[in-house]
């Protein structure tokens, strides 16, 4: 399991966002060398957890619980076959493109060590928005992405440090439950009855 690329984006003006200034940082590109990762602060104030990466719409993105966004290269490859066009690392607006990591199958609360310093904790899946749809240029993209259910994962920064392409990814903690990113995503989007089912099964 490893990082294929570390991706950052800069603010640019587009016609397909409702961000007040019409700006988005979704167009993320792989970078060479080490990138500093640290907790950015609470939502609404903090942006990205990666140095040099821009979060323009802090109403809906960024902050400690969405500090880093990861997508499996395997999921991008699957979408390439479906869309019949190449998809570069970073195209989903992800900060980390991984290889060999079941990102959407990760448990909520699972912790990854990336490289020698950084520890990240899985917090949730990514809910698609119309900025994402405009960036992809695909009709009904929000619905298609939601129906597939491979959302990728947002991560918190537990231990800061530097990461770079090629760094190993190691799972260092798995919580004692069965709630994966994909299951939580479905419960929030297409199968809300899962929330009631889980509550009745586990209590709370």
Protein backbone atom coordinates (compact mmCIF):
# COMPACT_ATOMS: atom_id res chain seq x y z
CA UNK A 1 0.00 0.00 0.00
CA UNK A 2 1.46 3.34 -1.00
CA UNK A 3 0.88 6.88 -2.20
CA UNK A 4 1.01 7.21 -5.95
CA UNK A 5 0.78 11.00 -5.77
CA UNK A 6 0.23 13.95 -3.45
CA UNK A 7 -2.01 16.53 -5.12
CA UNK A 8 -2.68 20.20 -4.37
CA UNK A 9 -4.87 22.82 -6.04
CA UNK A 10 -4.85 26.59 -6.38
CA UNK A 11 -7.82 28.93 -6.57
CA UNK A 12 -9.18 29.63 -10.02
CA UNK A 13 -12.36 31.21 -11.32
CA UNK A 14 -14.94 28.92 -12.92
CA UNK A 15 -18.57 29.21 -14.01
CA UNK A 16 -19.77 26.06 -12.23
CA UNK A 17 -19.43 26.88 -8.52
CA UNK A 18 -21.70 28.70 -6.09
CA UNK A 19 -18.74 29.86 -4.02
CA UNK A 20 -19.37 33.62 -3.54
CA UNK A 21 -16.30 34.73 -5.51
CA UNK A 22 -16.73 32.02 -8.14
CA UNK A 23 -13.49 30.30 -7.10
CA UNK A 24 -12.57 26.64 -6.63
CA UNK A 25 -9.44 24.68 -5.78
CA UNK A 26 -10.81 21.35 -6.99
CA UNK A 27 -8.36 21.07 -9.91
CA UNK A 28 -5.56 19.37 -7.97
CA UNK A 29 -2.27 18.39 -9.56
CA UNK A 30 0.49 16.03 -8.39
CA UNK A 31 3.51 17.75 -6.83
CA UNK A 32 7.13 16.73 -6.55
CA UNK A 33 8.89 16.54 -3.21
CA UNK A 34 7.65 16.60 0.35
CA UNK A 35 4.41 18.28 1.42
CA UNK A 36 3.72 19.34 5.00
CA UNK A 37 0.51 17.94 6.52
CA UNK A 38 -1.11 19.36 9.66
CA UNK A 39 -4.57 19.82 11.17
CA UNK A 40 -6.01 23.01 9.61
CA UNK A 41 -8.46 24.01 12.35
CA UNK A 42 -12.25 23.90 12.70
CA UNK A 43 -14.59 23.86 9.73
CA UNK A 44 -15.39 27.32 8.46
CA UNK A 45 -12.01 28.63 9.54
CA UNK A 46 -9.52 25.94 8.58
CA UNK A 47 -8.92 24.93 4.98
CA UNK A 48 -6.79 22.06 3.72
CA UNK A 49 -4.44 19.97 5.80
CA UNK A 50 -1.80 20.13 3.05
CA UNK A 51 0.56 23.06 2.72
CA UNK A 52 0.06 24.80 -0.62
CA UNK A 53 -3.44 23.41 -1.17
CA UNK A 54 -6.38 25.81 -1.42
CA UNK A 55 -9.92 25.29 -0.14
CA UNK A 56 -12.05 28.11 -1.51
CA UNK A 57 -15.51 27.24 -0.16
CA UNK A 58 -14.99 26.72 3.56
CA UNK A 59 -18.73 26.60 4.13
CA UNK A 60 -18.75 23.03 2.81
CA UNK A 61 -15.13 21.88 2.61
CA UNK A 62 -11.98 21.78 4.69
CA UNK A 63 -11.46 21.89 8.43
CA UNK A 64 -10.14 19.22 10.75
CA UNK A 65 -12.65 16.50 9.78
CA UNK A 66 -12.02 17.05 6.05
CA UNK A 67 -8.34 17.93 6.26
CA UNK A 68 -7.21 15.41 3.63
CA UNK A 69 -9.16 13.63 0.88
CA UNK A 70 -7.97 10.26 -0.45
CA UNK A 71 -9.07 8.28 -3.51
CA UNK A 72 -7.89 4.84 -4.61
CA UNK A 73 -6.23 4.65 -8.03
CA UNK A 74 -8.19 1.44 -8.51
CA UNK A 75 -11.45 3.43 -8.30
CA UNK A 76 -10.16 5.95 -10.82
CA UNK A 77 -9.25 3.06 -13.13
CA UNK A 78 -12.78 1.69 -12.78
CA UNK A 79 -14.22 5.09 -13.71
CA UNK A 80 -11.81 5.30 -16.67
CA UNK A 81 -13.34 2.15 -18.10
CA UNK A 82 -16.88 3.44 -17.52
CA UNK A 83 -16.27 6.94 -18.89
CA UNK A 84 -13.91 5.72 -21.64
CA UNK A 85 -11.42 8.51 -21.03
CA UNK A 86 -8.21 8.84 -19.03
CA UNK A 87 -8.39 10.19 -15.49
CA UNK A 88 -5.22 11.65 -14.02
CA UNK A 89 -4.27 11.44 -10.36
CA UNK A 90 -5.98 14.33 -8.55
CA UNK A 91 -8.90 14.60 -10.99
CA UNK A 92 -11.48 13.98 -8.27
CA UNK A 93 -9.99 16.80 -6.23
CA UNK A 94 -8.21 14.29 -4.01
CA UNK A 95 -5.07 15.16 -2.09
CA UNK A 96 -3.85 11.58 -1.96
CA UNK A 97 -4.08 9.06 -4.77
CA UNK A 98 -3.34 5.64 -3.29
CA UNK A 99 -2.44 2.21 -4.61
CA UNK A 100 -3.41 -1.00 -2.86
CA UNK A 101 -5.57 0.75 -0.24
CA UNK A 102 -9.29 -0.08 0.01
CA UNK A 103 -10.16 3.56 0.69
CA UNK A 104 -13.96 3.33 0.51
CA UNK A 105 -13.83 0.04 2.41
CA UNK A 106 -11.86 1.58 5.28
CA UNK A 107 -13.50 1.66 8.69
CA UNK A 108 -14.57 5.01 10.08
CA UNK A 109 -11.97 5.77 12.74
CA UNK A 110 -9.31 3.61 11.09
CA UNK A 111 -5.82 5.14 11.29
CA UNK A 112 -3.13 5.11 8.62
CA UNK A 113 0.55 5.88 8.97
CA UNK A 114 1.75 7.56 5.80
CA UNK A 115 5.51 7.69 5.40
CA UNK A 116 7.50 7.85 8.64
CA UNK A 117 5.72 10.73 10.39
CA UNK A 118 2.10 11.33 9.47
CA UNK A 119 -0.88 9.54 11.02
CA UNK A 120 -4.32 10.11 9.49
CA UNK A 121 -7.73 9.00 10.72
CA UNK A 122 -10.64 8.11 8.44
CA UNK A 123 -13.61 10.38 9.20
CA UNK A 124 -16.22 10.07 6.41
CA UNK A 125 -16.90 9.76 2.70
CA UNK A 126 -17.07 12.61 0.21
CA UNK A 127 -20.55 13.86 -0.70
CA UNK A 128 -20.47 15.00 -4.36
CA UNK A 129 -21.44 18.57 -5.22
CA UNK A 130 -22.19 20.45 -8.43
CA UNK A 131 -18.72 22.01 -8.47
CA UNK A 132 -17.43 18.44 -8.74
CA UNK A 133 -19.91 17.77 -11.55
CA UNK A 134 -18.85 20.90 -13.43
CA UNK A 135 -15.18 20.03 -12.99
CA UNK A 136 -15.73 16.52 -14.37
CA UNK A 137 -17.88 17.72 -17.28
CA UNK A 138 -20.07 14.62 -17.10
CA UNK A 139 -23.87 14.72 -17.27
CA UNK A 140 -25.67 13.51 -14.12
CA UNK A 141 -22.29 13.12 -12.46
CA UNK A 142 -23.54 13.73 -8.91
CA UNK A 143 -26.12 10.96 -9.28
CA UNK A 144 -23.72 8.56 -10.98
CA UNK A 145 -20.99 9.09 -8.39
CA UNK A 146 -23.50 8.64 -5.58
CA UNK A 147 -24.97 5.47 -7.05
CA UNK A 148 -21.55 3.85 -7.46
CA UNK A 149 -20.85 4.44 -3.77
CA UNK A 150 -17.05 4.53 -3.99
CA UNK A 151 -16.73 7.95 -2.39
CA UNK A 152 -13.12 7.99 -1.29
CA UNK A 153 -12.38 9.08 2.28
CA UNK A 154 -11.86 12.28 4.20
CA UNK A 155 -9.19 12.05 6.88
CA UNK A 156 -8.22 13.91 10.04
CA UNK A 157 -4.58 14.66 10.85
CA UNK A 158 -3.62 12.92 14.10
CA UNK A 159 0.14 13.30 13.82
CA UNK A 160 1.54 16.00 11.49
CA UNK A 161 4.61 15.75 9.32
CA UNK A 162 5.72 15.47 5.72
CA UNK A 163 4.58 13.07 3.01
CA UNK A 164 5.56 12.51 -0.61
CA UNK A 165 4.69 10.31 -3.57
CA UNK A 166 5.93 6.77 -3.05
CA UNK A 167 5.48 6.79 0.73
CA UNK A 168 4.14 3.55 2.21
CA UNK A 169 0.67 3.51 3.76
CA UNK A 170 0.20 1.26 6.80
CA UNK A 171 -3.00 0.62 8.73
CA UNK A 172 -2.01 1.07 12.39
CA UNK A 173 -5.43 0.94 14.07
CA UNK A 174 -8.83 -0.56 13.28
CA UNK A 175 -11.79 0.31 15.52
CA UNK A 176 -14.05 -2.39 16.92
CA UNK A 177 -17.06 -1.90 14.64
CA UNK A 178 -18.10 -2.66 11.06
CA UNK A 179 -18.98 0.80 9.74
CA UNK A 180 -17.02 1.42 6.56
CA UNK A 181 -16.79 4.66 4.62
CA UNK A 182 -18.95 3.10 1.89
CA UNK A 183 -21.62 2.02 4.39
CA UNK A 184 -21.75 5.47 6.00
CA UNK A 185 -21.93 7.08 2.57
CA UNK A 186 -24.89 4.90 1.57
CA UNK A 187 -26.62 5.59 4.87
CA UNK A 188 -26.32 9.33 4.27
CA UNK A 189 -27.31 9.24 0.59
CA UNK A 190 -29.13 6.35 -1.09
CA UNK A 191 -30.03 3.99 1.78
CA UNK A 192 -31.00 6.09 4.77
CA UNK A 193 -32.76 3.12 6.34
CA UNK A 194 -29.28 1.81 7.17
CA UNK A 195 -29.07 4.39 9.96
CA UNK A 196 -32.10 2.87 11.66
CA UNK A 197 -30.90 -0.67 11.02
CA UNK A 198 -27.50 0.02 12.56
CA UNK A 199 -29.03 1.79 15.56
CA UNK A 200 -31.41 -1.11 16.24
CA UNK A 201 -28.58 -3.62 15.90
CA UNK A 202 -25.95 -1.85 17.98
CA UNK A 203 -27.94 0.51 20.16
CA UNK A 204 -27.28 4.24 20.73
